[in-house]
Amino acid sequence: MAQAHGKQHDYHLVDPSPWPLTASLSALVTAIGAIIWMRSLGEGASGLFGIHGPWVFLAGFAGLATTAFLWWRDVIKEANRGDHTPVVQLHLRYGMILFIASEVMFFVAWFWAYFDFALFPADVHMIENLKEGVGMVTRNELFGGQWPPVPVEATEAVIPATGAPVNGYFKGTFDPWGIPLVNTLILLSSGCTVTWAHHALLKNDRRGLVLGLLATVILGAIFTGFQAYEYMHAAFTFGGHAYGSSFFMATGFHGAHVIIGTIFLLVCLVRAIRGAFTPQQHFGFEAAAWYWHFVDVVWLFLFAAIYVWGAGANAGAAH
């Protein structure tokens, strides 16, 4: 009778958990907090609901981080007690593949924005009643009819409704064969080290696993440091100019993914040092490795499209 009531399938029915609810509530608080924070910026900002500053956002983000930690802790416990059968592991891989596919489409949006500016730097069509559109500037005025745009001082772009000059500036692009090339080599090397760690794990080489993960985490941190230095020396601004907006949104979100991936691999490193993962069961590490390879591939497209192809004649104006 006891056997009749035992588990007779390869699937895992999760125990009741509070984490989906806490994740949803924390995400809601984070979103509202972000709105409050943004409405608190600038002179005369009113905030929202009489609340000002980033504190609601930070509280929501802390809730998300705590929920993620506790939820993944429970997933690890499930794996350790044998709930992650081969079928369950396969479905976890399907889930990670779908997540990365959604990330691909996320970056497609930023590439689309960039190429829309780059391939059509002159106005495609005139906008009716443009002089009444506050803050609207035609592409010809801002870009000078070319891509990369002419230096903003030469365009004399103004807001049509007021005649005020456009905030922000563009003096030139980055030299692709400086820090961008170094960062490309760093990320490609990190892809090799994380693959080394994976193969070491499959051979049950704990030392190789730890060293490979350690090298990958260090390379990821170095990449982030170089990119921060690059941003501080950009010859264009984030706001007030479409080149800076498209550049920083595409490369900035990639940089955020590098930081997330580095943390992901750092957690795997700590777990590896503590004896986690086996050649037969290591989905957590495998998911981190897949994510890191995705980050590598996105950077190659960014480097080729934005840094090299889009460099133009003013490359190297950053200092």
C-alpha atoms as a PDB file:
ATOM      1  CA  MET A   1       0.000   0.000   0.000  1.00  0.00           C
ATOM      2  CA  ALA A   2       2.835   2.401   0.885  1.00  0.00           C
ATOM      3  CA  GLN A   3       4.474   1.754  -2.464  1.00  0.00           C
ATOM      4  CA  ALA A   4       1.199   2.490  -4.242  1.00  0.00           C
ATOM      5  CA  HIS A   5       1.220   5.971  -2.727  1.00  0.00           C
ATOM      6  CA  GLY A   6       4.920   6.572  -3.515  1.00  0.00           C
ATOM      7  CA  LYS A   7       6.322   8.627  -6.362  1.00  0.00           C
ATOM      8  CA  GLN A   8       5.724   6.738  -9.596  1.00  0.00           C
ATOM      9  CA  HIS A   9       6.980   9.365 -12.103  1.00  0.00           C
ATOM     10  CA  ASP A  10      10.080  11.351 -13.044  1.00  0.00           C
ATOM     11  CA  TYR A  11       8.588  14.781 -12.374  1.00  0.00           C
ATOM     12  CA  HIS A  12       8.881  16.995  -9.320  1.00  0.00           C
ATOM     13  CA  LEU A  13       5.819  18.632  -7.768  1.00  0.00           C
ATOM     14  CA  VAL A  14       7.192  21.530  -5.764  1.00  0.00           C
ATOM     15  CA  ASP A  15       6.232  22.085  -2.148  1.00  0.00           C
ATOM     16  CA  PRO A  16       4.005  25.101  -1.309  1.00  0.00           C
ATOM     17  CA  SER A  17       6.211  28.177  -1.369  1.00  0.00           C
ATOM     18  CA  PRO A  18       5.746  31.858  -0.453  1.00  0.00           C
ATOM     19  CA  TRP A  19       8.411  33.053  -2.886  1.00  0.00           C
ATOM     20  CA  PRO A  20       6.242  33.629  -5.989  1.00  0.00           C
ATOM     21  CA  LEU A  21       4.037  35.943  -3.920  1.00  0.00           C
ATOM     22  CA  THR A  22       6.917  37.805  -2.269  1.00  0.00           C
ATOM     23  CA  ALA A  23       8.655  38.165  -5.644  1.00  0.00           C
ATOM     24  CA  SER A  24       5.522  39.689  -7.192  1.00  0.00           C
ATOM     25  CA  LEU A  25       4.980  42.112  -4.312  1.00  0.00           C
ATOM     26  CA  SER A  26       8.655  43.106  -4.268  1.00  0.00           C
ATOM     27  CA  ALA A  27       8.603  43.709  -8.030  1.00  0.00           C
ATOM     28  CA  LEU A  28       5.527  45.929  -7.612  1.00  0.00           C
ATOM     29  CA  VAL A  29       7.195  47.938  -4.833  1.00  0.00           C
ATOM     30  CA  THR A  30      10.372  48.225  -6.933  1.00  0.00           C
ATOM     31  CA  ALA A  31       8.436  49.553  -9.938  1.00  0.00           C
ATOM     32  CA  ILE A  32       6.497  52.099  -7.860  1.00  0.00           C
ATOM     33  CA  GLY A  33       9.719  53.076  -6.088  1.00  0.00           C
ATOM     34  CA  ALA A  34      11.448  53.656  -9.425  1.00  0.00           C
ATOM     35  CA  ILE A  35       8.628  56.003 -10.469  1.00  0.00           C
ATOM     36  CA  ILE A  36       8.861  57.873  -7.155  1.00  0.00           C
ATOM     37  CA  TRP A  37      12.617  58.161  -7.529  1.00  0.00           C
ATOM     38  CA  MET A  38      12.438  59.477 -11.096  1.00  0.00           C
ATOM     39  CA  ARG A  39       9.709  61.957 -10.148  1.00  0.00           C
ATOM     40  CA  SER A  40      11.975  63.194  -7.343  1.00  0.00           C
ATOM     41  CA  LEU A  41      14.780  64.243  -9.671  1.00  0.00           C
ATOM     42  CA  GLY A  42      15.343  67.795 -10.816  1.00  0.00           C
ATOM     43  CA  GLU A  43      14.322  71.139  -9.419  1.00  0.00           C
ATOM     44  CA  GLY A  44      10.755  71.394  -8.223  1.00  0.00           C
ATOM     45  CA  ALA A  45      10.205  67.634  -8.438  1.00  0.00           C
ATOM     46  CA  SER A  46       7.029  66.553  -6.685  1.00  0.00           C
ATOM     47  CA  GLY A  47       7.709  62.886  -6.080  1.00  0.00           C
ATOM     48  CA  LEU A  48       4.639  60.658  -5.749  1.00  0.00           C
ATOM     49  CA  PHE A  49       2.126  60.204  -2.929  1.00  0.00           C
ATOM     50  CA  GLY A  50       4.134  62.773  -0.988  1.00  0.00           C
ATOM     51  CA  ILE A  51       7.172  60.460  -1.014  1.00  0.00           C
ATOM     52  CA  HIS A  52      10.563  61.477  -2.396  1.00  0.00           C
ATOM     53  CA  GLY A  53      13.891  59.784  -3.026  1.00  0.00           C
ATOM     54  CA  PRO A  54      15.081  56.250  -3.786  1.00  0.00           C
ATOM     55  CA  TRP A  55      14.060  54.595  -0.516  1.00  0.00           C
ATOM     56  CA  VAL A  56      10.940  52.799  -1.752  1.00  0.00           C
ATOM     57  CA  PHE A  57      12.881  51.525  -4.766  1.00  0.00           C
ATOM     58  CA  LEU A  58      15.705  50.276  -2.548  1.00  0.00           C
ATOM     59  CA  ALA A  59      13.239  48.536  -0.223  1.00  0.00           C
ATOM     60  CA  GLY A  60      11.598  46.758  -3.161  1.00  0.00           C
ATOM     61  CA  PHE A  61      14.964  45.791  -4.637  1.00  0.00           C
ATOM     62  CA  ALA A  62      16.078  44.420  -1.253  1.00  0.00           C
ATOM     63  CA  GLY A  63      12.907  42.329  -1.187  1.00  0.00           C
ATOM     64  CA  LEU A  64      13.636  40.990  -4.678  1.00  0.00           C
ATOM     65  CA  ALA A  65      17.232  40.129  -3.762  1.00  0.00           C
ATOM     66  CA  THR A  66      16.152  38.387  -0.559  1.00  0.00           C
ATOM     67  CA  THR A  67      13.429  36.439  -2.361  1.00  0.00           C
ATOM     68  CA  ALA A  68      15.866  35.360  -5.084  1.00  0.00           C
ATOM     69  CA  PHE A  69      18.381  34.159  -2.487  1.00  0.00           C
ATOM     70  CA  LEU A  70      15.806  32.166  -0.492  1.00  0.00           C
ATOM     71  CA  TRP A  71      14.064  30.769  -3.584  1.00  0.00           C
ATOM     72  CA  TRP A  72      17.297  29.540  -5.143  1.00  0.00           C
ATOM     73  CA  ARG A  73      18.330  28.148  -1.761  1.00  0.00           C
ATOM     74  CA  ASP A  74      15.189  25.998  -1.813  1.00  0.00           C
ATOM     75  CA  VAL A  75      15.916  24.894  -5.389  1.00  0.00           C
ATOM     76  CA  ILE A  76      19.396  23.760  -4.291  1.00  0.00           C
ATOM     77  CA  LYS A  77      17.839  21.817  -1.406  1.00  0.00           C
ATOM     78  CA  GLU A  78      15.478  20.110  -3.860  1.00  0.00           C
ATOM     79  CA  ALA A  79      18.425  19.103  -6.031  1.00  0.00           C
ATOM     80  CA  ASN A  80      20.405  17.763  -3.069  1.00  0.00           C
ATOM     81  CA  ARG A  81      17.572  15.538  -1.916  1.00  0.00           C
ATOM     82  CA  GLY A  82      17.213  14.003  -5.376  1.00  0.00           C
ATOM     83  CA  ASP A  83      14.130  15.776  -6.689  1.00  0.00           C
ATOM     84  CA  HIS A  84      15.923  16.916  -9.855  1.00  0.00           C
ATOM     85  CA  THR A  85      15.617  13.767 -11.917  1.00  0.00           C
ATOM     86  CA  PRO A  86      17.000  13.684 -15.487  1.00  0.00           C
ATOM     87  CA  VAL A  87      13.575  14.748 -16.783  1.00  0.00           C
ATOM     88  CA  VAL A  88      13.411  17.668 -14.340  1.00  0.00           C
ATOM     89  CA  GLN A  89      16.950  18.731 -15.277  1.00  0.00           C
ATOM     90  CA  LEU A  90      15.964  18.656 -18.949  1.00  0.00           C
ATOM     91  CA  HIS A  91      13.028  20.944 -18.274  1.00  0.00           C
ATOM     92  CA  LEU A  92      15.229  23.295 -16.263  1.00  0.00           C
ATOM     93  CA  ARG A  93      17.463  23.521 -19.332  1.00  0.00           C
ATOM     94  CA  TYR A  94      14.435  24.282 -21.498  1.00  0.00           C
ATOM     95  CA  GLY A  95      13.551  27.086 -19.102  1.00  0.00           C
ATOM     96  CA  MET A  96      17.052  28.564 -19.287  1.00  0.00           C
ATOM     97  CA  ILE A  97      17.011  28.379 -23.086  1.00  0.00           C
ATOM     98  CA  LEU A  98      13.703  30.262 -23.199  1.00  0.00           C
ATOM     99  CA  PHE A  99      15.052  32.858 -20.772  1.00  0.00           C
ATOM    100  CA  ILE A 100      18.132  33.455 -22.937  1.00  0.00           C
ATOM    101  CA  ALA A 101      15.882  33.651 -26.013  1.00  0.00           C
ATOM    102  CA  SER A 102      13.898  36.421 -24.311  1.00  0.00           C
ATOM    103  CA  GLU A 103      17.177  38.198 -23.536  1.00  0.00           C
ATOM    104  CA  VAL A 104      18.116  37.973 -27.220  1.00  0.00           C
ATOM    105  CA  MET A 105      14.922  39.791 -28.155  1.00  0.00           C
ATOM    106  CA  PHE A 106      15.632  42.373 -25.445  1.00  0.00           C
ATOM    107  CA  PHE A 107      18.931  43.256 -27.111  1.00  0.00           C
ATOM    108  CA  VAL A 108      17.357  43.156 -30.570  1.00  0.00           C
ATOM    109  CA  ALA A 109      15.359  46.218 -29.487  1.00  0.00           C
ATOM    110  CA  TRP A 110      18.513  48.213 -28.689  1.00  0.00           C
ATOM    111  CA  PHE A 111      20.246  47.129 -31.891  1.00  0.00           C
ATOM    112  CA  TRP A 112      17.095  48.092 -33.793  1.00  0.00           C
ATOM    113  CA  ALA A 113      17.158  51.585 -32.280  1.00  0.00           C
ATOM    114  CA  TYR A 114      20.834  52.010 -33.100  1.00  0.00           C
ATOM    115  CA  PHE A 115      20.527  50.828 -36.707  1.00  0.00           C
ATOM    116  CA  ASP A 116      17.414  52.944 -37.228  1.00  0.00           C
ATOM    117  CA  PHE A 117      19.544  56.009 -36.455  1.00  0.00           C
ATOM    118  CA  ALA A 118      22.636  54.725 -38.265  1.00  0.00           C
ATOM    119  CA  LEU A 119      20.957  53.645 -41.510  1.00  0.00           C
ATOM    120  CA  PHE A 120      18.550  56.599 -41.692  1.00  0.00           C
ATOM    121  CA  PRO A 121      20.485  59.588 -40.295  1.00  0.00           C
ATOM    122  CA  ALA A 122      18.447  61.999 -42.434  1.00  0.00           C
ATOM    123  CA  ASP A 123      14.746  62.495 -41.872  1.00  0.00           C
ATOM    124  CA  VAL A 124      12.696  59.740 -43.484  1.00  0.00           C
ATOM    125  CA  HIS A 125       9.573  61.918 -43.532  1.00  0.00           C
ATOM    126  CA  MET A 126       8.583  65.279 -42.187  1.00  0.00           C
ATOM    127  CA  ILE A 127       6.471  65.472 -39.063  1.00  0.00           C
ATOM    128  CA  GLU A 128       3.410  67.713 -39.325  1.00  0.00           C
ATOM    129  CA  ASN A 129       3.262  70.732 -37.027  1.00  0.00           C
ATOM    130  CA  LEU A 130       6.850  70.159 -35.962  1.00  0.00           C
ATOM    131  CA  LYS A 131       7.236  73.729 -34.723  1.00  0.00           C
ATOM    132  CA  GLU A 132       4.532  73.067 -32.180  1.00  0.00           C
ATOM    133  CA  GLY A 133       6.191  69.895 -30.902  1.00  0.00           C
ATOM    134  CA  VAL A 134       8.034  70.845 -27.721  1.00  0.00           C
ATOM    135  CA  GLY A 135      11.435  69.178 -27.546  1.00  0.00           C
ATOM    136  CA  MET A 136      11.321  67.666 -31.030  1.00  0.00           C
ATOM    137  CA  VAL A 137      14.353  68.041 -33.285  1.00  0.00           C
ATOM    138  CA  THR A 138      14.641  66.627 -36.804  1.00  0.00           C
ATOM    139  CA  ARG A 139      17.431  64.156 -37.498  1.00  0.00           C
ATOM    140  CA  ASN A 140      18.961  66.436 -40.102  1.00  0.00           C
ATOM    141  CA  GLU A 141      19.338  69.136 -37.473  1.00  0.00           C
ATOM    142  CA  LEU A 142      20.837  66.814 -34.893  1.00  0.00           C
ATOM    143  CA  PHE A 143      22.896  64.382 -36.995  1.00  0.00           C
ATOM    144  CA  GLY A 144      23.843  66.626 -39.885  1.00  0.00           C
ATOM    145  CA  GLY A 145      22.454  64.008 -42.273  1.00  0.00           C
ATOM    146  CA  GLN A 146      25.195  61.461 -41.548  1.00  0.00           C
ATOM    147  CA  TRP A 147      26.213  58.713 -39.132  1.00  0.00           C
ATOM    148  CA  PRO A 148      28.120  58.973 -36.924  1.00  0.00           C
ATOM    149  CA  PRO A 149      26.670  62.456 -36.493  1.00  0.00           C
ATOM    150  CA  VAL A 150      28.718  65.571 -37.109  1.00  0.00           C
ATOM    151  CA  PRO A 151      29.944  67.188 -33.882  1.00  0.00           C
ATOM    152  CA  VAL A 152      26.950  68.774 -32.201  1.00  0.00           C
ATOM    153  CA  GLU A 153      28.533  72.240 -32.236  1.00  0.00           C
ATOM    154  CA  ALA A 154      28.402  72.138 -36.048  1.00  0.00           C
ATOM    155  CA  THR A 155      24.724  71.181 -36.216  1.00  0.00           C
ATOM    156  CA  GLU A 156      23.411  74.081 -34.157  1.00  0.00           C
ATOM    157  CA  ALA A 157      20.397  71.933 -33.300  1.00  0.00           C
ATOM    158  CA  VAL A 158      17.658  73.742 -31.395  1.00  0.00           C
ATOM    159  CA  ILE A 159      14.226  72.972 -29.994  1.00  0.00           C
ATOM    160  CA  PRO A 160      11.869  74.335 -32.670  1.00  0.00           C
ATOM    161  CA  ALA A 161       9.197  75.560 -30.247  1.00  0.00           C
ATOM    162  CA  THR A 162      11.566  77.661 -28.143  1.00  0.00           C
ATOM    163  CA  GLY A 163      14.770  78.084 -30.150  1.00  0.00           C
ATOM    164  CA  ALA A 164      16.726  76.823 -27.136  1.00  0.00           C
ATOM    165  CA  PRO A 165      19.845  74.741 -27.891  1.00  0.00           C
ATOM    166  CA  VAL A 166      19.670  70.974 -27.490  1.00  0.00           C
ATOM    167  CA  ASN A 167      21.136  69.785 -24.211  1.00  0.00           C
ATOM    168  CA  GLY A 168      24.010  67.339 -24.446  1.00  0.00           C
ATOM    169  CA  TYR A 169      26.788  67.046 -26.964  1.00  0.00           C
ATOM    170  CA  PHE A 170      28.545  64.693 -29.354  1.00  0.00           C
ATOM    171  CA  LYS A 171      32.213  65.236 -30.218  1.00  0.00           C
ATOM    172  CA  GLY A 172      33.163  61.850 -31.631  1.00  0.00           C
ATOM    173  CA  THR A 173      33.130  58.079 -31.134  1.00  0.00           C
ATOM    174  CA  PHE A 174      35.487  55.738 -29.308  1.00  0.00           C
ATOM    175  CA  ASP A 175      38.553  54.330 -30.994  1.00  0.00           C
ATOM    176  CA  PRO A 176      37.509  50.669 -31.407  1.00  0.00           C
ATOM    177  CA  TRP A 177      41.114  49.454 -31.294  1.00  0.00           C
ATOM    178  CA  GLY A 178      41.772  50.738 -27.791  1.00  0.00           C
ATOM    179  CA  ILE A 179      39.811  49.719 -24.708  1.00  0.00           C
ATOM    180  CA  PRO A 180      36.929  48.164 -26.736  1.00  0.00           C
ATOM    181  CA  LEU A 181      39.359  45.712 -28.364  1.00  0.00           C
ATOM    182  CA  VAL A 182      40.971  44.927 -24.998  1.00  0.00           C
ATOM    183  CA  ASN A 183      37.536  44.273 -23.512  1.00  0.00           C
ATOM    184  CA  THR A 184      36.717  41.992 -26.450  1.00  0.00           C
ATOM    185  CA  LEU A 185      39.842  39.921 -25.789  1.00  0.00           C
ATOM    186  CA  ILE A 186      38.994  39.830 -22.077  1.00  0.00           C
ATOM    187  CA  LEU A 187      35.481  38.483 -22.690  1.00  0.00           C
ATOM    188  CA  LEU A 188      36.688  35.946 -25.248  1.00  0.00           C
ATOM    189  CA  SER A 189      39.291  34.761 -22.731  1.00  0.00           C
ATOM    190  CA  SER A 190      36.616  34.501 -20.050  1.00  0.00           C
ATOM    191  CA  GLY A 191      34.581  32.288 -22.379  1.00  0.00           C
ATOM    192  CA  CYS A 192      37.586  29.979 -22.582  1.00  0.00           C
ATOM    193  CA  THR A 193      38.079  29.889 -18.817  1.00  0.00           C
ATOM    194  CA  VAL A 194      34.439  29.099 -18.065  1.00  0.00           C
ATOM    195  CA  THR A 195      34.605  26.287 -20.662  1.00  0.00           C
ATOM    196  CA  TRP A 196      37.775  25.030 -18.949  1.00  0.00           C
ATOM    197  CA  ALA A 197      35.871  24.984 -15.641  1.00  0.00           C
ATOM    198  CA  HIS A 198      32.988  23.068 -17.235  1.00  0.00           C
ATOM    199  CA  HIS A 199      35.222  20.405 -18.742  1.00  0.00           C
ATOM    200  CA  ALA A 200      37.099  20.099 -15.452  1.00  0.00           C
ATOM    201  CA  LEU A 201      33.799  19.489 -13.663  1.00  0.00           C
ATOM    202  CA  LEU A 202      32.796  16.797 -16.165  1.00  0.00           C
ATOM    203  CA  LYS A 203      36.113  15.047 -15.371  1.00  0.00           C
ATOM    204  CA  ASN A 204      35.556  15.591 -11.628  1.00  0.00           C
ATOM    205  CA  ASP A 205      38.632  17.823 -11.477  1.00  0.00           C
ATOM    206  CA  ARG A 206      37.692  20.048  -8.540  1.00  0.00           C
ATOM    207  CA  ARG A 207      40.863  22.124  -8.706  1.00  0.00           C
ATOM    208  CA  GLY A 208      40.374  22.885 -12.394  1.00  0.00           C
ATOM    209  CA  LEU A 209      36.731  23.780 -11.729  1.00  0.00           C
ATOM    210  CA  VAL A 210      37.638  26.271  -9.002  1.00  0.00           C
ATOM    211  CA  LEU A 211      40.539  27.829 -10.914  1.00  0.00           C
ATOM    212  CA  GLY A 212      38.500  28.173 -14.099  1.00  0.00           C
ATOM    213  CA  LEU A 213      35.634  29.855 -12.263  1.00  0.00           C
ATOM    214  CA  LEU A 214      38.017  32.117 -10.353  1.00  0.00           C
ATOM    215  CA  ALA A 215      39.701  33.237 -13.573  1.00  0.00           C
ATOM    216  CA  THR A 216      36.314  33.923 -15.196  1.00  0.00           C
ATOM    217  CA  VAL A 217      35.108  36.029 -12.267  1.00  0.00           C
ATOM    218  CA  ILE A 218      38.351  38.049 -12.286  1.00  0.00           C
ATOM    219  CA  LEU A 219      38.114  38.649 -16.039  1.00  0.00           C
ATOM    220  CA  GLY A 220      34.487  39.731 -15.697  1.00  0.00           C
ATOM    221  CA  ALA A 221      35.438  42.235 -12.989  1.00  0.00           C
ATOM    222  CA  ILE A 222      38.285  43.595 -15.139  1.00  0.00           C
ATOM    223  CA  PHE A 223      35.893  44.054 -18.080  1.00  0.00           C
ATOM    224  CA  THR A 224      33.505  46.029 -15.874  1.00  0.00           C
ATOM    225  CA  GLY A 225      36.354  48.222 -14.627  1.00  0.00           C
ATOM    226  CA  PHE A 226      37.511  49.028 -18.137  1.00  0.00           C
ATOM    227  CA  GLN A 227      33.981  49.823 -19.258  1.00  0.00           C
ATOM    228  CA  ALA A 228      33.468  52.171 -16.299  1.00  0.00           C
ATOM    229  CA  TYR A 229      36.701  53.956 -17.231  1.00  0.00           C
ATOM    230  CA  GLU A 230      35.525  54.168 -20.845  1.00  0.00           C
ATOM    231  CA  TYR A 231      32.201  55.697 -19.813  1.00  0.00           C
ATOM    232  CA  MET A 232      33.946  58.351 -17.717  1.00  0.00           C
ATOM    233  CA  HIS A 233      35.924  59.450 -20.787  1.00  0.00           C
ATOM    234  CA  ALA A 234      33.132  59.392 -23.374  1.00  0.00           C
ATOM    235  CA  ALA A 235      33.064  62.294 -25.840  1.00  0.00           C
ATOM    236  CA  PHE A 236      29.260  62.369 -25.806  1.00  0.00           C
ATOM    237  CA  THR A 237      26.478  62.568 -23.244  1.00  0.00           C
ATOM    238  CA  PHE A 238      23.726  60.135 -22.391  1.00  0.00           C
ATOM    239  CA  GLY A 239      20.946  62.710 -22.537  1.00  0.00           C
ATOM    240  CA  GLY A 240      20.280  65.325 -25.167  1.00  0.00           C
ATOM    241  CA  HIS A 241      21.713  63.396 -28.109  1.00  0.00           C
ATOM    242  CA  ALA A 242      20.459  60.251 -29.825  1.00  0.00           C
ATOM    243  CA  TYR A 243      23.952  58.827 -30.353  1.00  0.00           C
ATOM    244  CA  GLY A 244      24.719  58.834 -26.649  1.00  0.00           C
ATOM    245  CA  SER A 245      21.294  57.457 -25.756  1.00  0.00           C
ATOM    246  CA  SER A 246      21.503  54.539 -28.198  1.00  0.00           C
ATOM    247  CA  PHE A 247      25.140  53.817 -27.283  1.00  0.00           C
ATOM    248  CA  PHE A 248      24.697  53.834 -23.522  1.00  0.00           C
ATOM    249  CA  MET A 249      21.432  51.888 -23.563  1.00  0.00           C
ATOM    250  CA  ALA A 250      22.920  49.069 -25.669  1.00  0.00           C
ATOM    251  CA  THR A 251      26.348  48.859 -24.044  1.00  0.00           C
ATOM    252  CA  GLY A 252      25.024  49.779 -20.594  1.00  0.00           C
ATOM    253  CA  PHE A 253      22.497  46.969 -20.493  1.00  0.00           C
ATOM    254  CA  HIS A 254      25.200  44.620 -21.700  1.00  0.00           C
ATOM    255  CA  GLY A 255      27.425  45.869 -18.895  1.00  0.00           C
ATOM    256  CA  ALA A 256      24.616  45.177 -16.420  1.00  0.00           C
ATOM    257  CA  HIS A 257      24.393  41.636 -17.769  1.00  0.00           C
ATOM    258  CA  VAL A 258      28.151  41.235 -17.317  1.00  0.00           C
ATOM    259  CA  ILE A 259      27.799  42.264 -13.664  1.00  0.00           C
ATOM    260  CA  ILE A 260      24.865  39.869 -13.161  1.00  0.00           C
ATOM    261  CA  GLY A 261      26.782  37.063 -14.883  1.00  0.00           C
ATOM    262  CA  THR A 262      29.857  37.742 -12.751  1.00  0.00           C
ATOM    263  CA  ILE A 263      27.753  37.481  -9.589  1.00  0.00           C
ATOM    264  CA  PHE A 264      26.146  34.303 -10.980  1.00  0.00           C
ATOM    265  CA  LEU A 265      29.578  32.749 -11.529  1.00  0.00           C
ATOM    266  CA  LEU A 266      30.850  34.018  -8.167  1.00  0.00           C
ATOM    267  CA  VAL A 267      28.024  32.154  -6.436  1.00  0.00           C
ATOM    268  CA  CYS A 268      28.961  29.051  -8.440  1.00  0.00           C
ATOM    269  CA  LEU A 269      32.596  29.529  -7.360  1.00  0.00           C
ATOM    270  CA  VAL A 270      31.618  29.659  -3.680  1.00  0.00           C
ATOM    271  CA  ARG A 271      29.458  26.563  -4.104  1.00  0.00           C
ATOM    272  CA  ALA A 272      32.265  24.746  -5.937  1.00  0.00           C
ATOM    273  CA  ILE A 273      34.708  25.539  -3.121  1.00  0.00           C
ATOM    274  CA  ARG A 274      32.161  24.130  -0.656  1.00  0.00           C
ATOM    275  CA  GLY A 275      31.949  20.887  -2.653  1.00  0.00           C
ATOM    276  CA  ALA A 276      28.754  21.426  -4.645  1.00  0.00           C
ATOM    277  CA  PHE A 277      28.216  20.120  -8.196  1.00  0.00           C
ATOM    278  CA  THR A 278      28.909  16.667  -9.552  1.00  0.00           C
ATOM    279  CA  PRO A 279      29.654  15.517 -13.104  1.00  0.00           C
ATOM    280  CA  GLN A 280      26.105  14.132 -13.246  1.00  0.00           C
ATOM    281  CA  GLN A 281      24.230  17.043 -11.642  1.00  0.00           C
ATOM    282  CA  HIS A 282      25.387  20.643 -12.045  1.00  0.00           C
ATOM    283  CA  PHE A 283      22.586  22.565 -13.713  1.00  0.00           C
ATOM    284  CA  GLY A 284      23.253  25.721 -11.670  1.00  0.00           C
ATOM    285  CA  PHE A 285      26.770  25.955 -13.044  1.00  0.00           C
ATOM    286  CA  GLU A 286      25.661  25.001 -16.547  1.00  0.00           C
ATOM    287  CA  ALA A 287      23.033  27.764 -16.559  1.00  0.00           C
ATOM    288  CA  ALA A 288      25.668  30.295 -15.460  1.00  0.00           C
ATOM    289  CA  ALA A 289      28.017  29.134 -18.231  1.00  0.00           C
ATOM    290  CA  TRP A 290      25.284  29.418 -20.867  1.00  0.00           C
ATOM    291  CA  TYR A 291      24.428  32.908 -19.646  1.00  0.00           C
ATOM    292  CA  TRP A 292      28.079  33.934 -19.801  1.00  0.00           C
ATOM    293  CA  HIS A 293      28.482  32.669 -23.362  1.00  0.00           C
ATOM    294  CA  PHE A 294      25.367  34.655 -24.303  1.00  0.00           C
ATOM    295  CA  VAL A 295      26.963  37.779 -22.806  1.00  0.00           C
ATOM    296  CA  ASP A 296      30.109  37.076 -24.872  1.00  0.00           C
ATOM    297  CA  VAL A 297      28.168  36.779 -28.118  1.00  0.00           C
ATOM    298  CA  VAL A 298      26.188  39.977 -27.506  1.00  0.00           C
ATOM    299  CA  TRP A 299      29.440  41.862 -26.930  1.00  0.00           C
ATOM    300  CA  LEU A 300      30.876  40.618 -30.221  1.00  0.00           C
ATOM    301  CA  PHE A 301      27.851  42.080 -32.028  1.00  0.00           C
ATOM    302  CA  LEU A 302      28.160  45.334 -30.067  1.00  0.00           C
ATOM    303  CA  PHE A 303      31.860  45.598 -30.840  1.00  0.00           C
ATOM    304  CA  ALA A 304      31.387  44.879 -34.532  1.00  0.00           C
ATOM    305  CA  ALA A 305      28.302  47.060 -35.073  1.00  0.00           C
ATOM    306  CA  ILE A 306      28.733  50.027 -32.744  1.00  0.00           C
ATOM    307  CA  TYR A 307      32.463  50.311 -32.090  1.00  0.00           C
ATOM    308  CA  VAL A 308      33.938  49.235 -35.457  1.00  0.00           C
ATOM    309  CA  TRP A 309      31.262  49.738 -38.133  1.00  0.00           C
ATOM    310  CA  GLY A 310      29.886  52.853 -36.463  1.00  0.00           C
ATOM    311  CA  ALA A 311      33.223  54.467 -35.600  1.00  0.00           C
ATOM    312  CA  GLY A 312      33.298  57.007 -38.418  1.00  0.00           C
ATOM    313  CA  ALA A 313      35.868  59.727 -39.040  1.00  0.00           C
ATOM    314  CA  ASN A 314      35.802  61.161 -35.509  1.00  0.00           C
ATOM    315  CA  ALA A 315      36.835  57.917 -33.783  1.00  0.00           C
ATOM    316  CA  GLY A 316      39.075  58.462 -30.819  1.00  0.00           C
ATOM    317  CA  ALA A 317      37.653  61.823 -29.785  1.00  0.00           C
ATOM    318  CA  ALA A 318      37.138  60.440 -26.275  1.00  0.00           C
ATOM    319  CA  HIS A 319      39.912  61.244 -23.875  1.00  0.00           C
END
